[in-house]
Amino acid sequence: MADPADDYDYQGPATVTIDGADITVELTLRGHFQGLDGIYRWYGRIRPNPELAAAVGDLADAQVTTAFGTVPAVIGDLDFWGRYRISGRSTPPFFVPKSLAEIEGPRSVH
């Protein structure tokens, strides 16, 4: 049986940019297409990072960069384990298949 904690779309390194400062982080992201408004929404958590905590405070607009691209994001609530929530709308910073061939084929960085 699969571990529910392994149900993610991206897990790995990223760079979060807040007010021009680049911070290297590790994060886990998931996403889904919202059929009601036609927008893809993605979200996840950033592993505890003291440098990020000093830059964010309670809430911050940011950019997140992975090997798949750079997109705007919002960093918000800090959970009990010291992980910040990160979320965004539209194009995510991870691979999302757009055709059956992409679903059946190997994942690659575009």
Protein backbone atom coordinates (compact mmCIF):
# COMPACT_ATOMS: atom_id res chain seq x y z
CA MET A 1 0.00 0.00 0.00
CA ALA A 2 1.31 3.45 -0.92
CA ASP A 3 2.14 5.92 1.82
CA PRO A 4 -0.27 8.92 1.63
CA ALA A 5 2.67 11.18 2.52
CA ASP A 6 4.22 10.26 -0.86
CA ASP A 7 1.25 11.76 -2.75
CA TYR A 8 2.90 14.89 -4.11
CA ASP A 9 3.60 16.47 -7.49
CA TYR A 10 7.01 17.91 -6.63
CA GLN A 11 9.41 17.35 -3.78
CA GLY A 12 12.89 18.81 -3.81
CA PRO A 13 15.01 21.94 -3.95
CA ALA A 14 13.77 25.39 -4.86
CA THR A 15 14.77 29.02 -4.56
CA VAL A 16 12.32 31.38 -2.91
CA THR A 17 12.83 35.07 -3.72
CA ILE A 18 11.44 37.64 -1.28
CA ASP A 19 12.17 41.35 -1.78
CA GLY A 20 15.08 40.48 -4.10
CA ALA A 21 16.72 38.04 -1.66
CA ASP A 22 17.16 34.44 -2.88
CA ILE A 23 16.72 31.73 -0.25
CA THR A 24 17.46 28.07 -1.01
CA VAL A 25 14.76 25.77 0.42
CA GLU A 26 13.39 22.23 0.24
CA LEU A 27 9.67 21.92 -0.39
CA THR A 28 6.82 19.55 -1.18
CA LEU A 29 4.06 20.68 -3.58
CA ARG A 30 0.74 19.39 -4.84
CA GLY A 31 -1.78 20.85 -7.22
CA HIS A 32 -5.15 20.45 -8.88
CA PHE A 33 -7.25 21.99 -11.62
CA GLN A 34 -10.25 23.83 -10.21
CA GLY A 35 -13.04 23.18 -12.70
CA LEU A 36 -15.35 25.89 -11.33
CA ASP A 37 -13.09 28.77 -12.31
CA GLY A 38 -10.66 27.02 -14.67
CA ILE A 39 -7.57 27.84 -12.62
CA TYR A 40 -4.83 25.40 -11.63
CA ARG A 41 -4.06 25.82 -7.92
CA TRP A 42 -0.90 24.50 -6.31
CA TYR A 43 0.17 24.46 -2.68
CA GLY A 44 2.53 22.81 -0.24
CA ARG A 45 4.96 23.26 2.62
CA ILE A 46 8.55 24.47 2.86
CA ARG A 47 10.84 22.58 5.24
CA PRO A 48 11.98 24.59 8.28
CA ASN A 49 14.51 27.22 7.25
CA PRO A 50 15.76 29.97 9.63
CA GLU A 51 16.72 32.31 6.79
CA LEU A 52 13.22 32.04 5.31
CA ALA A 53 11.60 32.58 8.73
CA ALA A 54 13.58 35.80 9.18
CA ALA A 55 12.48 37.07 5.74
CA VAL A 56 8.81 36.05 5.87
CA GLY A 57 7.45 36.95 9.29
CA ASP A 58 3.72 36.23 9.04
CA LEU A 59 3.04 36.49 5.29
CA ALA A 60 5.01 37.32 2.15
CA ASP A 61 4.60 37.58 -1.59
CA ALA A 62 7.42 35.70 -3.28
CA GLN A 63 8.65 33.94 -6.37
CA VAL A 64 9.52 30.26 -6.32
CA THR A 65 11.99 28.76 -8.78
CA THR A 66 12.57 25.07 -9.53
CA ALA A 67 14.09 23.33 -12.54
CA PHE A 68 10.64 23.68 -14.17
CA GLY A 69 10.39 27.46 -13.97
CA THR A 70 9.77 30.56 -11.87
CA VAL A 71 6.28 31.55 -10.71
CA PRO A 72 4.68 33.98 -8.25
CA ALA A 73 3.69 32.54 -4.87
CA VAL A 74 2.31 33.50 -1.48
CA ILE A 75 4.01 32.29 1.68
CA GLY A 76 1.75 32.12 4.69
CA ASP A 77 0.93 30.29 7.90
CA LEU A 78 3.68 28.60 9.86
CA ASP A 79 2.67 25.16 11.14
CA PHE A 80 3.55 23.46 14.41
CA TRP A 81 6.63 21.83 12.83
CA GLY A 82 8.12 25.11 11.55
CA ARG A 83 7.06 24.64 7.93
CA TYR A 84 5.64 27.57 5.96
CA ARG A 85 2.70 27.05 3.60
CA ILE A 86 3.33 28.13 0.01
CA SER A 87 0.64 28.49 -2.65
CA GLY A 88 0.01 29.85 -6.09
CA ARG A 89 -2.38 29.97 -9.01
CA SER A 90 -2.02 29.03 -12.67
CA THR A 91 1.27 27.61 -13.95
CA PRO A 92 2.96 25.63 -11.15
CA PRO A 93 6.72 25.29 -10.59
CA PHE A 94 6.54 21.56 -11.41
CA PHE A 95 5.63 19.32 -14.33
CA VAL A 96 1.92 18.98 -15.09
CA PRO A 97 1.02 16.72 -18.04
CA LYS A 98 -1.12 18.37 -20.68
CA SER A 99 -1.69 15.33 -22.91
CA LEU A 100 -2.05 11.56 -22.66
CA ALA A 101 1.41 11.15 -24.23
CA GLU A 102 2.92 13.23 -21.43
CA ILE A 103 1.13 11.14 -18.81
CA GLU A 104 2.37 7.86 -20.28
CA GLY A 105 5.87 9.09 -21.18
CA PRO A 106 8.83 10.00 -18.96
CA ARG A 107 8.76 13.27 -17.05
CA SER A 108 11.27 15.79 -18.30
CA VAL A 109 12.29 19.34 -17.53
CA HIS A 110 10.95 21.74 -20.18
